[in-house]
Amino acid sequence: SSQWNYQNKFYLLEAEDQYSNNDIENAKSSYTKAILSAREHKFINEEALACELAGYFYLSIDDKSTAVDYFTQAHEKYHEWGAFSKTSKLYEFVQSE
C-alpha cells in the first residue's frame, strides 16, 4: 500500500491523540500535516474532516479566530465534495458559537 494513501489519516489520528493528551503544540503541527497531506493527494472529504476537527481543536483552546478559519475551509471542502447537509450543519454550528 502506498504511503500517500493513508498518510493524512495517520497525521489526523496523531493530532487527535496529541490533543487528548494535552500536547497542544504537536497537535497543531499534526492537524496542519493532515490537512496538507489530504490536499496534496486530493482527498477532498478527508481534507474537510481534518479542517473541521482542527476547528474544534482551536475552539477548545480559545483561539476562535483560527477555529473559524478552519471551519470555513471545512465548509468549502464539504460543499466541493457535495456534502450539502454537512455544510448546513457546520454553518449552523459556527453561527451558534
N, C-alpha and C. Protein backbone atom coordinates (compact mmCIF):
# COMPACT_ATOMS: atom_id res chain seq x y z
N SER A 1 0.84 -1.18 0.00
CA SER A 1 0.00 0.00 0.00
C SER A 1 0.89 1.25 0.00
N SER A 2 0.49 2.22 -0.77
CA SER A 2 1.27 3.44 -0.89
C SER A 2 1.08 4.34 0.33
N GLN A 3 2.16 4.93 0.76
CA GLN A 3 2.13 5.80 1.94
C GLN A 3 1.16 6.96 1.76
N TRP A 4 1.10 7.53 0.57
CA TRP A 4 0.24 8.70 0.35
C TRP A 4 -1.24 8.36 0.56
N ASN A 5 -1.57 7.09 0.47
CA ASN A 5 -2.95 6.65 0.62
C ASN A 5 -3.47 6.79 2.05
N TYR A 6 -2.60 6.71 3.02
CA TYR A 6 -3.04 6.74 4.42
C TYR A 6 -2.34 7.81 5.25
N GLN A 7 -1.40 8.52 4.66
CA GLN A 7 -0.59 9.49 5.41
C GLN A 7 -1.45 10.53 6.13
N ASN A 8 -2.43 11.10 5.44
CA ASN A 8 -3.26 12.13 6.08
C ASN A 8 -4.06 11.56 7.25
N LYS A 9 -4.48 10.31 7.14
CA LYS A 9 -5.23 9.67 8.22
C LYS A 9 -4.33 9.47 9.45
N PHE A 10 -3.10 9.07 9.18
CA PHE A 10 -2.13 8.89 10.27
C PHE A 10 -1.92 10.22 11.01
N TYR A 11 -1.70 11.29 10.24
CA TYR A 11 -1.48 12.60 10.87
C TYR A 11 -2.70 13.06 11.67
N LEU A 12 -3.89 12.78 11.14
CA LEU A 12 -5.10 13.20 11.84
C LEU A 12 -5.27 12.42 13.14
N LEU A 13 -5.03 11.12 13.09
CA LEU A 13 -5.09 10.33 14.33
C LEU A 13 -4.03 10.79 15.33
N GLU A 14 -2.86 11.10 14.82
CA GLU A 14 -1.79 11.61 15.67
C GLU A 14 -2.22 12.92 16.34
N ALA A 15 -2.82 13.81 15.56
CA ALA A 15 -3.27 15.09 16.10
C ALA A 15 -4.32 14.89 17.20
N GLU A 16 -5.27 14.01 16.94
CA GLU A 16 -6.32 13.76 17.93
C GLU A 16 -5.74 13.15 19.21
N ASP A 17 -4.77 12.25 19.05
CA ASP A 17 -4.11 11.65 20.20
C ASP A 17 -3.35 12.71 21.00
N GLN A 18 -2.61 13.54 20.30
CA GLN A 18 -1.85 14.60 20.97
C GLN A 18 -2.79 15.57 21.68
N TYR A 19 -3.88 15.92 21.02
CA TYR A 19 -4.88 16.81 21.61
C TYR A 19 -5.44 16.19 22.89
N SER A 20 -5.78 14.91 22.84
CA SER A 20 -6.37 14.27 24.03
C SER A 20 -5.35 14.14 25.16
N ASN A 21 -4.07 14.20 24.83
CA ASN A 21 -3.02 14.16 25.85
C ASN A 21 -2.47 15.55 26.18
N ASN A 22 -3.20 16.58 25.74
CA ASN A 22 -2.85 17.97 26.03
C ASN A 22 -1.49 18.38 25.49
N ASP A 23 -1.07 17.76 24.41
CA ASP A 23 0.19 18.10 23.73
C ASP A 23 -0.16 19.09 22.61
N ILE A 24 -0.46 20.30 23.01
CA ILE A 24 -1.07 21.30 22.13
C ILE A 24 -0.20 21.65 20.93
N GLU A 25 1.06 21.93 21.15
CA GLU A 25 1.93 22.36 20.04
C GLU A 25 2.09 21.27 18.99
N ASN A 26 2.29 20.03 19.42
CA ASN A 26 2.41 18.95 18.45
C ASN A 26 1.09 18.67 17.76
N ALA A 27 -0.01 18.83 18.47
CA ALA A 27 -1.33 18.65 17.84
C ALA A 27 -1.52 19.67 16.72
N LYS A 28 -1.15 20.92 16.96
CA LYS A 28 -1.26 21.95 15.92
C LYS A 28 -0.51 21.52 14.67
N SER A 29 0.68 21.05 14.87
CA SER A 29 1.52 20.62 13.75
C SER A 29 0.90 19.43 13.01
N SER A 30 0.38 18.49 13.75
CA SER A 30 -0.19 17.29 13.13
C SER A 30 -1.49 17.60 12.38
N TYR A 31 -2.32 18.50 12.90
CA TYR A 31 -3.52 18.90 12.16
C TYR A 31 -3.11 19.53 10.83
N THR A 32 -2.11 20.40 10.87
CA THR A 32 -1.63 21.03 9.64
C THR A 32 -1.12 20.00 8.65
N LYS A 33 -0.33 19.05 9.13
CA LYS A 33 0.19 18.00 8.26
C LYS A 33 -0.95 17.17 7.65
N ALA A 34 -1.96 16.86 8.44
CA ALA A 34 -3.10 16.07 7.95
C ALA A 34 -3.82 16.82 6.83
N ILE A 35 -4.04 18.10 7.04
CA ILE A 35 -4.75 18.92 6.04
C ILE A 35 -3.92 19.02 4.76
N LEU A 36 -2.65 19.31 4.91
CA LEU A 36 -1.79 19.47 3.73
C LEU A 36 -1.63 18.17 2.96
N SER A 37 -1.53 17.05 3.67
CA SER A 37 -1.40 15.76 3.00
C SER A 37 -2.68 15.42 2.24
N ALA A 38 -3.83 15.62 2.87
CA ALA A 38 -5.10 15.35 2.19
C ALA A 38 -5.25 16.25 0.96
N ARG A 39 -4.88 17.51 1.11
CA ARG A 39 -4.98 18.46 -0.02
C ARG A 39 -4.05 18.04 -1.16
N GLU A 40 -2.83 17.70 -0.82
CA GLU A 40 -1.84 17.32 -1.83
C GLU A 40 -2.31 16.13 -2.66
N HIS A 41 -2.98 15.18 -2.01
CA HIS A 41 -3.39 13.96 -2.69
C HIS A 41 -4.85 13.99 -3.11
N LYS A 42 -5.47 15.17 -2.98
CA LYS A 42 -6.82 15.42 -3.46
C LYS A 42 -7.90 14.54 -2.81
N PHE A 43 -7.73 14.30 -1.51
CA PHE A 43 -8.76 13.63 -0.72
C PHE A 43 -9.65 14.71 -0.11
N ILE A 44 -10.61 15.19 -0.90
CA ILE A 44 -11.42 16.34 -0.51
C ILE A 44 -12.17 16.09 0.79
N ASN A 45 -12.80 14.93 0.90
CA ASN A 45 -13.58 14.64 2.11
C ASN A 45 -12.69 14.55 3.35
N GLU A 46 -11.49 14.02 3.18
CA GLU A 46 -10.59 13.89 4.32
C GLU A 46 -9.96 15.24 4.69
N GLU A 47 -9.77 16.09 3.70
CA GLU A 47 -9.32 17.45 4.00
C GLU A 47 -10.41 18.19 4.78
N ALA A 48 -11.66 17.99 4.36
CA ALA A 48 -12.78 18.63 5.06
C ALA A 48 -12.84 18.18 6.51
N LEU A 49 -12.73 16.88 6.73
CA LEU A 49 -12.78 16.34 8.09
C LEU A 49 -11.63 16.87 8.94
N ALA A 50 -10.43 16.88 8.38
CA ALA A 50 -9.26 17.38 9.13
C ALA A 50 -9.44 18.85 9.48
N CYS A 51 -9.97 19.64 8.56
CA CYS A 51 -10.22 21.06 8.84
C CYS A 51 -11.28 21.22 9.93
N GLU A 52 -12.33 20.42 9.85
CA GLU A 52 -13.38 20.50 10.87
C GLU A 52 -12.84 20.15 12.25
N LEU A 53 -12.10 19.06 12.34
CA LEU A 53 -11.55 18.66 13.64
C LEU A 53 -10.53 19.67 14.16
N ALA A 54 -9.76 20.25 13.25
CA ALA A 54 -8.83 21.32 13.66
C ALA A 54 -9.62 22.51 14.19
N GLY A 55 -10.76 22.79 13.57
CA GLY A 55 -11.62 23.88 14.06
C GLY A 55 -12.09 23.64 15.49
N TYR A 56 -12.56 22.43 15.77
CA TYR A 56 -12.98 22.09 17.14
C TYR A 56 -11.81 22.19 18.11
N PHE A 57 -10.66 21.74 17.66
CA PHE A 57 -9.45 21.82 18.50
C PHE A 57 -9.14 23.27 18.86
N TYR A 58 -9.09 24.14 17.85
CA TYR A 58 -8.74 25.54 18.13
C TYR A 58 -9.82 26.22 18.97
N LEU A 59 -11.07 25.85 18.76
CA LEU A 59 -12.14 26.39 19.59
C LEU A 59 -11.92 26.00 21.05
N SER A 60 -11.49 24.76 21.28
CA SER A 60 -11.29 24.27 22.65
C SER A 60 -10.12 24.94 23.36
N ILE A 61 -9.17 25.48 22.57
CA ILE A 61 -8.03 26.17 23.21
C ILE A 61 -8.21 27.69 23.14
N ASP A 62 -9.46 28.10 22.92
CA ASP A 62 -9.85 29.51 22.95
C ASP A 62 -9.19 30.36 21.87
N ASP A 63 -8.97 29.77 20.72
CA ASP A 63 -8.46 30.52 19.56
C ASP A 63 -9.58 30.52 18.51
N LYS A 64 -10.59 31.35 18.79
CA LYS A 64 -11.80 31.35 17.97
C LYS A 64 -11.52 31.80 16.53
N SER A 65 -10.63 32.73 16.36
CA SER A 65 -10.32 33.23 15.02
C SER A 65 -9.77 32.12 14.13
N THR A 66 -8.83 31.36 14.64
CA THR A 66 -8.25 30.25 13.87
C THR A 66 -9.31 29.17 13.67
N ALA A 67 -10.12 28.92 14.69
CA ALA A 67 -11.18 27.92 14.58
C ALA A 67 -12.13 28.27 13.44
N VAL A 68 -12.54 29.53 13.36
CA VAL A 68 -13.45 29.96 12.30
C VAL A 68 -12.80 29.78 10.92
N ASP A 69 -11.50 30.08 10.82
CA ASP A 69 -10.79 29.86 9.55
C ASP A 69 -10.86 28.40 9.13
N TYR A 70 -10.62 27.50 10.07
CA TYR A 70 -10.66 26.06 9.75
C TYR A 70 -12.08 25.60 9.45
N PHE A 71 -13.06 26.09 10.20
CA PHE A 71 -14.45 25.73 9.91
C PHE A 71 -14.86 26.22 8.52
N THR A 72 -14.39 27.39 8.14
CA THR A 72 -14.68 27.92 6.81
C THR A 72 -14.08 27.04 5.73
N GLN A 73 -12.84 26.62 5.94
CA GLN A 73 -12.20 25.71 4.98
C GLN A 73 -12.95 24.39 4.91
N ALA A 74 -13.36 23.87 6.05
CA ALA A 74 -14.12 22.61 6.09
C ALA A 74 -15.43 22.77 5.33
N HIS A 75 -16.12 23.87 5.56
CA HIS A 75 -17.38 24.14 4.88
C HIS A 75 -17.17 24.14 3.36
N GLU A 76 -16.13 24.81 2.90
CA GLU A 76 -15.84 24.87 1.46
C GLU A 76 -15.56 23.49 0.89
N LYS A 77 -14.79 22.69 1.61
CA LYS A 77 -14.43 21.36 1.12
C LYS A 77 -15.62 20.40 1.15
N TYR A 78 -16.44 20.47 2.21
CA TYR A 78 -17.64 19.63 2.25
C TYR A 78 -18.56 20.01 1.08
N HIS A 79 -18.67 21.31 0.81
CA HIS A 79 -19.51 21.76 -0.31
C HIS A 79 -18.95 21.25 -1.64
N GLU A 80 -17.64 21.37 -1.82
CA GLU A 80 -16.98 20.89 -3.04
C GLU A 80 -17.22 19.39 -3.22
N TRP A 81 -17.23 18.66 -2.12
CA TRP A 81 -17.42 17.22 -2.14
C TRP A 81 -18.88 16.84 -2.39
N GLY A 82 -19.79 17.80 -2.17
CA GLY A 82 -21.21 17.56 -2.38
C GLY A 82 -21.96 17.16 -1.13
N ALA A 83 -21.36 17.35 0.03
CA ALA A 83 -22.00 17.00 1.30
C ALA A 83 -22.77 18.22 1.83
N PHE A 84 -23.89 18.51 1.16
CA PHE A 84 -24.61 19.75 1.44
C PHE A 84 -25.29 19.76 2.80
N SER A 85 -25.74 18.62 3.26
CA SER A 85 -26.33 18.55 4.60
C SER A 85 -25.27 18.86 5.65
N LYS A 86 -24.08 18.34 5.44
CA LYS A 86 -22.97 18.59 6.37
C LYS A 86 -22.60 20.08 6.36
N THR A 87 -22.60 20.70 5.18
CA THR A 87 -22.27 22.13 5.13
C THR A 87 -23.29 22.94 5.91
N SER A 88 -24.57 22.55 5.82
CA SER A 88 -25.62 23.26 6.56
C SER A 88 -25.43 23.12 8.07
N LYS A 89 -25.15 21.91 8.52
CA LYS A 89 -24.95 21.67 9.96
C LYS A 89 -23.73 22.42 10.48
N LEU A 90 -22.67 22.40 9.70
CA LEU A 90 -21.45 23.10 10.12
C LEU A 90 -21.69 24.60 10.17
N TYR A 91 -22.41 25.13 9.19
CA TYR A 91 -22.73 26.56 9.16
C TYR A 91 -23.56 26.92 10.40
N GLU A 92 -24.56 26.10 10.72
CA GLU A 92 -25.40 26.35 11.89
C GLU A 92 -24.55 26.34 13.17
N PHE A 93 -23.63 25.40 13.26
CA PHE A 93 -22.77 25.32 14.44
C PHE A 93 -21.92 26.58 14.58
N VAL A 94 -21.30 27.00 13.51
CA VAL A 94 -20.42 28.18 13.55
C VAL A 94 -21.22 29.43 13.91
N GLN A 95 -22.44 29.55 13.38
CA GLN A 95 -23.28 30.70 13.68
C GLN A 95 -23.70 30.73 15.14
N SER A 96 -23.80 29.55 15.77
CA SER A 96 -24.22 29.49 17.17
C SER A 96 -23.09 29.77 18.14
N GLU A 97 -21.84 29.73 17.67
CA GLU A 97 -20.69 29.95 18.57
C GLU A 97 -20.45 31.41 18.83
